[in-house]
């Protein structure tokens, strides 16, 4: 996929988010989200940035300590000049692992919106890839 400047701008949001993940920094992680962002995943739902921060803070201190998120965008679509949908193959590489096991591959959908502070995640959802 050839990346345009606008696509690069939205992908940098994911890069920043995953850098914060790698540092296990929940406060930095949620800076990529709008205040009213939602996250839906199997068994969990977060209704705003604070709930996302609380969830990730607990996860980074426990089961996700030392992990890193991976994300391989498969499509980037601008619905409007200010709304972007990214579909990707994603997952979590746990501490001590070099690669993402196929059984943990996820199909992810990101909805990003352009705000006064730049592009932010407004909604995220994922499901098993297999």
C-alpha atoms as a PDB file:
ATOM      1  CA  UNK A   1       0.000   0.000   0.000  1.00  0.00           C
ATOM      2  CA  UNK A   2       1.401   3.388  -1.000  1.00  0.00           C
ATOM      3  CA  UNK A   3       1.162   5.780   1.956  1.00  0.00           C
ATOM      4  CA  UNK A   4       0.053   9.393   1.433  1.00  0.00           C
ATOM      5  CA  UNK A   5       0.872  12.254   3.807  1.00  0.00           C
ATOM      6  CA  UNK A   6      -2.631  12.133   5.311  1.00  0.00           C
ATOM      7  CA  UNK A   7      -2.397   8.368   5.789  1.00  0.00           C
ATOM      8  CA  UNK A   8       0.969   8.875   7.442  1.00  0.00           C
ATOM      9  CA  UNK A   9      -0.651  11.355   9.859  1.00  0.00           C
ATOM     10  CA  UNK A  10      -3.272   8.848  11.025  1.00  0.00           C
ATOM     11  CA  UNK A  11      -0.787   5.988  11.192  1.00  0.00           C
ATOM     12  CA  UNK A  12       1.446   8.098  13.447  1.00  0.00           C
ATOM     13  CA  UNK A  13      -1.400   8.028  16.001  1.00  0.00           C
ATOM     14  CA  UNK A  14      -1.128   4.233  16.117  1.00  0.00           C
ATOM     15  CA  UNK A  15       2.676   4.454  16.271  1.00  0.00           C
ATOM     16  CA  UNK A  16       2.446   6.761  19.313  1.00  0.00           C
ATOM     17  CA  UNK A  17      -0.119   4.516  20.963  1.00  0.00           C
ATOM     18  CA  UNK A  18       2.046   1.417  20.517  1.00  0.00           C
ATOM     19  CA  UNK A  19       5.165   3.226  21.752  1.00  0.00           C
ATOM     20  CA  UNK A  20       3.249   4.029  24.949  1.00  0.00           C
ATOM     21  CA  UNK A  21       2.155   0.374  25.115  1.00  0.00           C
ATOM     22  CA  UNK A  22       5.749  -0.803  24.811  1.00  0.00           C
ATOM     23  CA  UNK A  23       6.591   1.490  27.744  1.00  0.00           C
ATOM     24  CA  UNK A  24       3.560   0.134  29.682  1.00  0.00           C
ATOM     25  CA  UNK A  25       2.448   3.763  30.126  1.00  0.00           C
ATOM     26  CA  UNK A  26      -1.358   3.913  30.366  1.00  0.00           C
ATOM     27  CA  UNK A  27      -1.401   7.711  30.697  1.00  0.00           C
ATOM     28  CA  UNK A  28       0.570   8.189  27.474  1.00  0.00           C
ATOM     29  CA  UNK A  29      -1.422   5.410  25.794  1.00  0.00           C
ATOM     30  CA  UNK A  30      -4.773   7.190  26.225  1.00  0.00           C
ATOM     31  CA  UNK A  31      -3.460  10.498  24.893  1.00  0.00           C
ATOM     32  CA  UNK A  32      -4.147   9.015  21.442  1.00  0.00           C
ATOM     33  CA  UNK A  33      -7.872   8.715  22.302  1.00  0.00           C
ATOM     34  CA  UNK A  34     -10.682  11.278  22.381  1.00  0.00           C
ATOM     35  CA  UNK A  35     -12.229  11.906  25.798  1.00  0.00           C
ATOM     36  CA  UNK A  36     -15.392  10.045  24.729  1.00  0.00           C
ATOM     37  CA  UNK A  37     -13.647   7.202  22.904  1.00  0.00           C
ATOM     38  CA  UNK A  38     -15.062   3.683  23.113  1.00  0.00           C
ATOM     39  CA  UNK A  39     -13.267   0.346  23.036  1.00  0.00           C
ATOM     40  CA  UNK A  40     -15.123  -2.938  22.433  1.00  0.00           C
ATOM     41  CA  UNK A  41     -13.333  -6.258  22.687  1.00  0.00           C
ATOM     42  CA  UNK A  42     -14.389  -9.767  23.634  1.00  0.00           C
ATOM     43  CA  UNK A  43     -15.411  -9.600  27.262  1.00  0.00           C
ATOM     44  CA  UNK A  44     -14.766  -5.896  27.775  1.00  0.00           C
ATOM     45  CA  UNK A  45     -16.117  -2.466  26.928  1.00  0.00           C
ATOM     46  CA  UNK A  46     -14.749   0.945  27.871  1.00  0.00           C
ATOM     47  CA  UNK A  47     -17.022   3.961  27.472  1.00  0.00           C
ATOM     48  CA  UNK A  48     -14.465   6.786  27.674  1.00  0.00           C
ATOM     49  CA  UNK A  49     -10.766   7.630  27.853  1.00  0.00           C
ATOM     50  CA  UNK A  50     -10.651   7.293  31.657  1.00  0.00           C
ATOM     51  CA  UNK A  51     -12.106   3.776  31.539  1.00  0.00           C
ATOM     52  CA  UNK A  52      -9.594   2.886  28.812  1.00  0.00           C
ATOM     53  CA  UNK A  53      -6.770   4.288  30.968  1.00  0.00           C
ATOM     54  CA  UNK A  54      -7.937   2.316  34.023  1.00  0.00           C
ATOM     55  CA  UNK A  55      -8.197  -0.900  31.999  1.00  0.00           C
ATOM     56  CA  UNK A  56      -4.750  -0.489  30.448  1.00  0.00           C
ATOM     57  CA  UNK A  57      -3.147   0.575  33.734  1.00  0.00           C
ATOM     58  CA  UNK A  58      -4.386  -2.631  35.369  1.00  0.00           C
ATOM     59  CA  UNK A  59      -3.345  -4.719  32.350  1.00  0.00           C
ATOM     60  CA  UNK A  60       0.134  -3.128  32.133  1.00  0.00           C
ATOM     61  CA  UNK A  61       0.692  -3.842  35.832  1.00  0.00           C
ATOM     62  CA  UNK A  62      -0.487  -7.432  35.414  1.00  0.00           C
ATOM     63  CA  UNK A  63      -0.960  -9.725  32.419  1.00  0.00           C
ATOM     64  CA  UNK A  64       0.318  -7.264  29.788  1.00  0.00           C
ATOM     65  CA  UNK A  65       3.455  -6.212  31.680  1.00  0.00           C
ATOM     66  CA  UNK A  66       6.350  -6.294  29.234  1.00  0.00           C
ATOM     67  CA  UNK A  67       4.088  -7.004  26.255  1.00  0.00           C
ATOM     68  CA  UNK A  68       3.791  -5.014  23.066  1.00  0.00           C
ATOM     69  CA  UNK A  69       0.907  -4.476  20.710  1.00  0.00           C
ATOM     70  CA  UNK A  70       1.388  -5.016  16.998  1.00  0.00           C
ATOM     71  CA  UNK A  71      -0.764  -3.675  14.207  1.00  0.00           C
ATOM     72  CA  UNK A  72      -0.501  -4.168  10.440  1.00  0.00           C
ATOM     73  CA  UNK A  73      -2.951  -1.853   8.629  1.00  0.00           C
ATOM     74  CA  UNK A  74      -4.692  -3.616   5.769  1.00  0.00           C
ATOM     75  CA  UNK A  75      -6.809  -0.653   4.636  1.00  0.00           C
ATOM     76  CA  UNK A  76      -7.072   3.051   5.385  1.00  0.00           C
ATOM     77  CA  UNK A  77     -10.265   4.785   4.288  1.00  0.00           C
ATOM     78  CA  UNK A  78     -11.173   8.431   4.770  1.00  0.00           C
ATOM     79  CA  UNK A  79     -14.940   8.611   5.228  1.00  0.00           C
ATOM     80  CA  UNK A  80     -14.696  12.415   5.298  1.00  0.00           C
ATOM     81  CA  UNK A  81     -11.773  14.820   5.578  1.00  0.00           C
ATOM     82  CA  UNK A  82     -12.064  14.458   9.350  1.00  0.00           C
ATOM     83  CA  UNK A  83     -12.969  10.769   9.830  1.00  0.00           C
ATOM     84  CA  UNK A  84     -10.765   7.788   9.001  1.00  0.00           C
ATOM     85  CA  UNK A  85     -11.341   4.037   9.344  1.00  0.00           C
ATOM     86  CA  UNK A  86      -8.337   1.733   9.576  1.00  0.00           C
ATOM     87  CA  UNK A  87      -8.775  -2.042   9.344  1.00  0.00           C
ATOM     88  CA  UNK A  88      -5.783  -4.016  10.494  1.00  0.00           C
ATOM     89  CA  UNK A  89      -4.370  -7.326  11.552  1.00  0.00           C
ATOM     90  CA  UNK A  90      -3.332  -6.874  15.170  1.00  0.00           C
ATOM     91  CA  UNK A  91      -2.423  -8.678  18.351  1.00  0.00           C
ATOM     92  CA  UNK A  92      -0.378  -8.775  21.515  1.00  0.00           C
ATOM     93  CA  UNK A  93       3.152 -10.133  21.676  1.00  0.00           C
ATOM     94  CA  UNK A  94       3.610 -11.158  25.292  1.00  0.00           C
ATOM     95  CA  UNK A  95       6.814 -10.636  27.284  1.00  0.00           C
ATOM     96  CA  UNK A  96       9.425 -13.167  26.167  1.00  0.00           C
ATOM     97  CA  UNK A  97       7.820 -13.781  22.759  1.00  0.00           C
ATOM     98  CA  UNK A  98       9.498 -12.725  19.528  1.00  0.00           C
ATOM     99  CA  UNK A  99       6.437 -12.951  17.269  1.00  0.00           C
ATOM    100  CA  UNK A 100       2.672 -12.917  17.440  1.00  0.00           C
ATOM    101  CA  UNK A 101       1.209 -16.443  17.635  1.00  0.00           C
ATOM    102  CA  UNK A 102      -1.501 -16.947  14.999  1.00  0.00           C
ATOM    103  CA  UNK A 103      -4.075 -17.934  17.636  1.00  0.00           C
ATOM    104  CA  UNK A 104      -3.832 -14.393  19.064  1.00  0.00           C
ATOM    105  CA  UNK A 105      -4.210 -12.580  15.741  1.00  0.00           C
ATOM    106  CA  UNK A 106      -7.095 -10.122  15.775  1.00  0.00           C
ATOM    107  CA  UNK A 107      -8.971  -8.191  13.099  1.00  0.00           C
ATOM    108  CA  UNK A 108      -9.110  -4.626  14.376  1.00  0.00           C
ATOM    109  CA  UNK A 109     -11.167  -1.621  13.358  1.00  0.00           C
ATOM    110  CA  UNK A 110      -9.994   1.851  14.319  1.00  0.00           C
ATOM    111  CA  UNK A 111     -12.104   4.988  13.840  1.00  0.00           C
ATOM    112  CA  UNK A 112     -10.024   8.145  13.999  1.00  0.00           C
ATOM    113  CA  UNK A 113     -11.294  11.721  13.975  1.00  0.00           C
ATOM    114  CA  UNK A 114      -9.455  14.951  13.332  1.00  0.00           C
ATOM    115  CA  UNK A 115      -9.619  17.192  16.409  1.00  0.00           C
ATOM    116  CA  UNK A 116      -8.107  20.572  17.301  1.00  0.00           C
ATOM    117  CA  UNK A 117      -5.247  18.513  18.816  1.00  0.00           C
ATOM    118  CA  UNK A 118      -4.732  16.413  15.686  1.00  0.00           C
ATOM    119  CA  UNK A 119      -5.973  12.921  14.841  1.00  0.00           C
ATOM    120  CA  UNK A 120      -7.349  10.853  17.747  1.00  0.00           C
ATOM    121  CA  UNK A 121      -8.927   7.425  18.161  1.00  0.00           C
ATOM    122  CA  UNK A 122     -12.700   7.756  18.614  1.00  0.00           C
ATOM    123  CA  UNK A 123     -13.538   4.029  18.584  1.00  0.00           C
ATOM    124  CA  UNK A 124     -11.696   0.718  18.517  1.00  0.00           C
ATOM    125  CA  UNK A 125     -12.953  -2.829  18.256  1.00  0.00           C
ATOM    126  CA  UNK A 126     -11.403  -6.193  17.489  1.00  0.00           C
ATOM    127  CA  UNK A 127     -12.360  -9.824  17.015  1.00  0.00           C
ATOM    128  CA  UNK A 128     -10.450 -13.082  16.477  1.00  0.00           C
ATOM    129  CA  UNK A 129      -8.827 -13.333  13.050  1.00  0.00           C
ATOM    130  CA  UNK A 130      -9.385 -17.102  12.873  1.00  0.00           C
END
